[in-house]
Amino acid sequence: MGSTPSPDVRPEVPPGGHGAHAAHVPTAEDFRETQASPEFQELRRTHRGFVFPMTVVFLVWYFVYVILAAYFPEFMSIRLWGYINVGLVLGLLQFVSTFAITAAYVHFANKKLDPKATAIRLRLEGAQEGDAK
């Protein structure tokens, strides 16, 4: 038939790793030390510095919409173009703002969080690499 290997054939992997340069498997103590490190605390501060304010902004925007709909129906029913009214536009802007916040977070995470998290992960995985006895 062909020389295609059977899907059941797997390359041998040495115990405890994926080759000669297997990453260190972090222990619970490694994680506790990392969590207490200044680098990890800075990562948490950076993350919270974006997420908490953005959450407050979105919740305020959402509740303004709900309050307008519940208590100011005459305002929400103002027609803008044909059958398009203020309520419909503000409701659709809820979706737009959700996508905008998501895009902003992805950009923020790629630029600010991921480099810091990668450095921490690499340090954690490389911890005690030569310390095996």
C-alpha atoms as a PDB file:
ATOM      1  CA  MET A   1       0.000   0.000   0.000  1.00  0.00           C
ATOM      2  CA  GLY A   2       2.141   2.921   1.076  1.00  0.00           C
ATOM      3  CA  SER A   3       4.949   3.740   3.414  1.00  0.00           C
ATOM      4  CA  THR A   4       2.727   5.806   5.716  1.00  0.00           C
ATOM      5  CA  PRO A   5       3.335   4.762   9.323  1.00  0.00           C
ATOM      6  CA  SER A   6       0.468   3.444  11.370  1.00  0.00           C
ATOM      7  CA  PRO A   7      -1.241   6.091  13.550  1.00  0.00           C
ATOM      8  CA  ASP A   8      -0.508   3.871  16.565  1.00  0.00           C
ATOM      9  CA  VAL A   9       3.252   4.292  16.151  1.00  0.00           C
ATOM     10  CA  ARG A  10       4.542   7.026  18.447  1.00  0.00           C
ATOM     11  CA  PRO A  11       8.109   8.198  18.915  1.00  0.00           C
ATOM     12  CA  GLU A  12       9.659   7.185  22.202  1.00  0.00           C
ATOM     13  CA  VAL A  13       9.775   9.954  24.788  1.00  0.00           C
ATOM     14  CA  PRO A  14      12.093   9.579  27.759  1.00  0.00           C
ATOM     15  CA  PRO A  15      10.324   9.478  31.134  1.00  0.00           C
ATOM     16  CA  GLY A  16       9.737  12.925  32.580  1.00  0.00           C
ATOM     17  CA  GLY A  17      10.206  14.957  29.447  1.00  0.00           C
ATOM     18  CA  HIS A  18      10.129  15.573  25.743  1.00  0.00           C
ATOM     19  CA  GLY A  19      13.750  15.091  24.854  1.00  0.00           C
ATOM     20  CA  ALA A  20      17.096  16.312  26.100  1.00  0.00           C
ATOM     21  CA  HIS A  21      15.849  19.791  26.956  1.00  0.00           C
ATOM     22  CA  ALA A  22      12.730  18.919  28.930  1.00  0.00           C
ATOM     23  CA  ALA A  23      11.363  21.754  31.050  1.00  0.00           C
ATOM     24  CA  HIS A  24      11.491  21.598  34.814  1.00  0.00           C
ATOM     25  CA  VAL A  25       8.147  20.540  36.281  1.00  0.00           C
ATOM     26  CA  PRO A  26       7.358  23.211  38.874  1.00  0.00           C
ATOM     27  CA  THR A  27       6.458  22.116  42.375  1.00  0.00           C
ATOM     28  CA  ALA A  28       3.881  23.662  44.690  1.00  0.00           C
ATOM     29  CA  GLU A  29       6.713  25.458  46.473  1.00  0.00           C
ATOM     30  CA  ASP A  30       7.929  26.896  43.146  1.00  0.00           C
ATOM     31  CA  PHE A  31       4.440  28.272  42.513  1.00  0.00           C
ATOM     32  CA  ARG A  32       4.226  29.797  46.000  1.00  0.00           C
ATOM     33  CA  GLU A  33       7.612  31.466  45.557  1.00  0.00           C
ATOM     34  CA  THR A  34       6.629  32.760  42.130  1.00  0.00           C
ATOM     35  CA  GLN A  35       3.339  34.115  43.446  1.00  0.00           C
ATOM     36  CA  ALA A  36       5.206  36.035  46.145  1.00  0.00           C
ATOM     37  CA  SER A  37       7.815  37.396  43.712  1.00  0.00           C
ATOM     38  CA  PRO A  38       7.900  41.099  42.810  1.00  0.00           C
ATOM     39  CA  GLU A  39       7.591  40.208  39.102  1.00  0.00           C
ATOM     40  CA  PHE A  40       4.336  38.309  39.677  1.00  0.00           C
ATOM     41  CA  GLN A  41       2.965  41.073  41.899  1.00  0.00           C
ATOM     42  CA  GLU A  42       3.742  43.593  39.137  1.00  0.00           C
ATOM     43  CA  LEU A  43       1.942  41.368  36.610  1.00  0.00           C
ATOM     44  CA  ARG A  44      -1.132  41.247  38.866  1.00  0.00           C
ATOM     45  CA  ARG A  45      -1.042  45.033  39.366  1.00  0.00           C
ATOM     46  CA  THR A  46      -0.780  45.599  35.624  1.00  0.00           C
ATOM     47  CA  HIS A  47      -3.674  43.216  34.922  1.00  0.00           C
ATOM     48  CA  ARG A  48      -5.891  44.724  37.606  1.00  0.00           C
ATOM     49  CA  GLY A  49      -4.996  48.240  36.476  1.00  0.00           C
ATOM     50  CA  PHE A  50      -6.740  47.512  33.184  1.00  0.00           C
ATOM     51  CA  VAL A  51      -9.473  45.054  34.128  1.00  0.00           C
ATOM     52  CA  PHE A  52     -11.002  46.768  37.159  1.00  0.00           C
ATOM     53  CA  PRO A  53     -11.423  50.250  35.631  1.00  0.00           C
ATOM     54  CA  MET A  54     -12.699  48.773  32.360  1.00  0.00           C
ATOM     55  CA  THR A  55     -15.221  46.659  34.272  1.00  0.00           C
ATOM     56  CA  VAL A  56     -16.483  49.716  36.152  1.00  0.00           C
ATOM     57  CA  VAL A  57     -16.788  51.711  32.918  1.00  0.00           C
ATOM     58  CA  PHE A  58     -18.731  48.941  31.206  1.00  0.00           C
ATOM     59  CA  LEU A  59     -21.048  48.321  34.161  1.00  0.00           C
ATOM     60  CA  VAL A  60     -21.843  52.039  34.452  1.00  0.00           C
ATOM     61  CA  TRP A  61     -22.550  52.174  30.713  1.00  0.00           C
ATOM     62  CA  TYR A  62     -24.750  49.060  30.951  1.00  0.00           C
ATOM     63  CA  PHE A  63     -26.741  50.317  33.950  1.00  0.00           C
ATOM     64  CA  VAL A  64     -27.226  53.730  32.332  1.00  0.00           C
ATOM     65  CA  TYR A  65     -28.783  51.896  29.386  1.00  0.00           C
ATOM     66  CA  VAL A  66     -31.035  49.806  31.663  1.00  0.00           C
ATOM     67  CA  ILE A  67     -32.091  52.829  33.720  1.00  0.00           C
ATOM     68  CA  LEU A  68     -32.849  54.844  30.592  1.00  0.00           C
ATOM     69  CA  ALA A  69     -34.936  51.985  29.226  1.00  0.00           C
ATOM     70  CA  ALA A  70     -36.817  51.499  32.494  1.00  0.00           C
ATOM     71  CA  TYR A  71     -37.391  55.096  33.606  1.00  0.00           C
ATOM     72  CA  PHE A  72     -37.115  57.210  30.462  1.00  0.00           C
ATOM     73  CA  PRO A  73     -39.020  55.351  27.753  1.00  0.00           C
ATOM     74  CA  GLU A  74     -39.978  58.628  26.066  1.00  0.00           C
ATOM     75  CA  PHE A  75     -36.276  59.405  25.546  1.00  0.00           C
ATOM     76  CA  MET A  76     -35.484  55.887  24.342  1.00  0.00           C
ATOM     77  CA  SER A  77     -38.357  55.997  21.849  1.00  0.00           C
ATOM     78  CA  ILE A  78     -37.160  59.142  20.064  1.00  0.00           C
ATOM     79  CA  ARG A  79     -36.912  58.252  16.384  1.00  0.00           C
ATOM     80  CA  LEU A  80     -33.617  59.018  14.703  1.00  0.00           C
ATOM     81  CA  TRP A  81     -34.054  57.536  11.196  1.00  0.00           C
ATOM     82  CA  GLY A  82     -37.263  55.827  10.141  1.00  0.00           C
ATOM     83  CA  TYR A  83     -37.961  53.101  12.695  1.00  0.00           C
ATOM     84  CA  ILE A  84     -34.529  53.439  14.295  1.00  0.00           C
ATOM     85  CA  ASN A  85     -34.828  54.994  17.750  1.00  0.00           C
ATOM     86  CA  VAL A  86     -32.426  55.984  20.533  1.00  0.00           C
ATOM     87  CA  GLY A  87     -33.081  52.751  22.460  1.00  0.00           C
ATOM     88  CA  LEU A  88     -32.166  50.574  19.491  1.00  0.00           C
ATOM     89  CA  VAL A  89     -28.988  52.541  18.794  1.00  0.00           C
ATOM     90  CA  LEU A  90     -27.903  52.425  22.450  1.00  0.00           C
ATOM     91  CA  GLY A  91     -28.725  48.707  22.611  1.00  0.00           C
ATOM     92  CA  LEU A  92     -26.587  47.976  19.548  1.00  0.00           C
ATOM     93  CA  LEU A  93     -23.809  50.115  21.010  1.00  0.00           C
ATOM     94  CA  GLN A  94     -23.745  47.689  23.965  1.00  0.00           C
ATOM     95  CA  PHE A  95     -22.538  45.022  21.533  1.00  0.00           C
ATOM     96  CA  VAL A  96     -20.100  47.398  19.863  1.00  0.00           C
ATOM     97  CA  SER A  97     -18.642  48.398  23.225  1.00  0.00           C
ATOM     98  CA  THR A  98     -18.245  44.730  24.212  1.00  0.00           C
ATOM     99  CA  PHE A  99     -16.226  44.024  21.062  1.00  0.00           C
ATOM    100  CA  ALA A 100     -14.218  47.229  21.542  1.00  0.00           C
ATOM    101  CA  ILE A 101     -13.356  46.282  25.129  1.00  0.00           C
ATOM    102  CA  THR A 102     -12.346  42.806  23.985  1.00  0.00           C
ATOM    103  CA  ALA A 103     -10.101  44.232  21.270  1.00  0.00           C
ATOM    104  CA  ALA A 104      -8.571  46.710  23.726  1.00  0.00           C
ATOM    105  CA  TYR A 105      -7.883  43.920  26.221  1.00  0.00           C
ATOM    106  CA  VAL A 106      -6.272  41.694  23.581  1.00  0.00           C
ATOM    107  CA  HIS A 107      -4.015  44.570  22.537  1.00  0.00           C
ATOM    108  CA  PHE A 108      -3.201  45.393  26.166  1.00  0.00           C
ATOM    109  CA  ALA A 109      -2.497  41.753  27.045  1.00  0.00           C
ATOM    110  CA  ASN A 110      -0.278  41.218  24.012  1.00  0.00           C
ATOM    111  CA  LYS A 111       1.713  44.364  24.726  1.00  0.00           C
ATOM    112  CA  LYS A 112       1.844  44.528  28.531  1.00  0.00           C
ATOM    113  CA  LEU A 113       0.864  41.193  30.108  1.00  0.00           C
ATOM    114  CA  ASP A 114       2.183  38.477  27.816  1.00  0.00           C
ATOM    115  CA  PRO A 115       5.865  39.528  27.916  1.00  0.00           C
ATOM    116  CA  LYS A 116       5.798  39.634  31.726  1.00  0.00           C
ATOM    117  CA  ALA A 117       3.900  36.347  32.010  1.00  0.00           C
ATOM    118  CA  THR A 118       6.246  34.645  29.545  1.00  0.00           C
ATOM    119  CA  ALA A 119       9.296  35.769  31.509  1.00  0.00           C
ATOM    120  CA  ILE A 120       7.772  34.430  34.720  1.00  0.00           C
ATOM    121  CA  ARG A 121       6.810  31.123  33.060  1.00  0.00           C
ATOM    122  CA  LEU A 122      10.251  30.644  31.540  1.00  0.00           C
ATOM    123  CA  ARG A 123      11.904  31.345  34.880  1.00  0.00           C
ATOM    124  CA  LEU A 124       9.523  28.953  36.632  1.00  0.00           C
ATOM    125  CA  GLU A 125      10.009  26.158  34.076  1.00  0.00           C
ATOM    126  CA  GLY A 126      13.750  26.658  34.095  1.00  0.00           C
ATOM    127  CA  ALA A 127      13.996  26.723  37.900  1.00  0.00           C
ATOM    128  CA  GLN A 128      16.347  24.196  39.401  1.00  0.00           C
ATOM    129  CA  GLU A 129      17.245  22.835  35.942  1.00  0.00           C
ATOM    130  CA  GLY A 130      20.702  21.802  37.023  1.00  0.00           C
ATOM    131  CA  ASP A 131      19.779  21.056  40.627  1.00  0.00           C
ATOM    132  CA  ALA A 132      18.692  17.412  40.197  1.00  0.00           C
ATOM    133  CA  LYS A 133      20.671  15.146  42.537  1.00  0.00           C
END
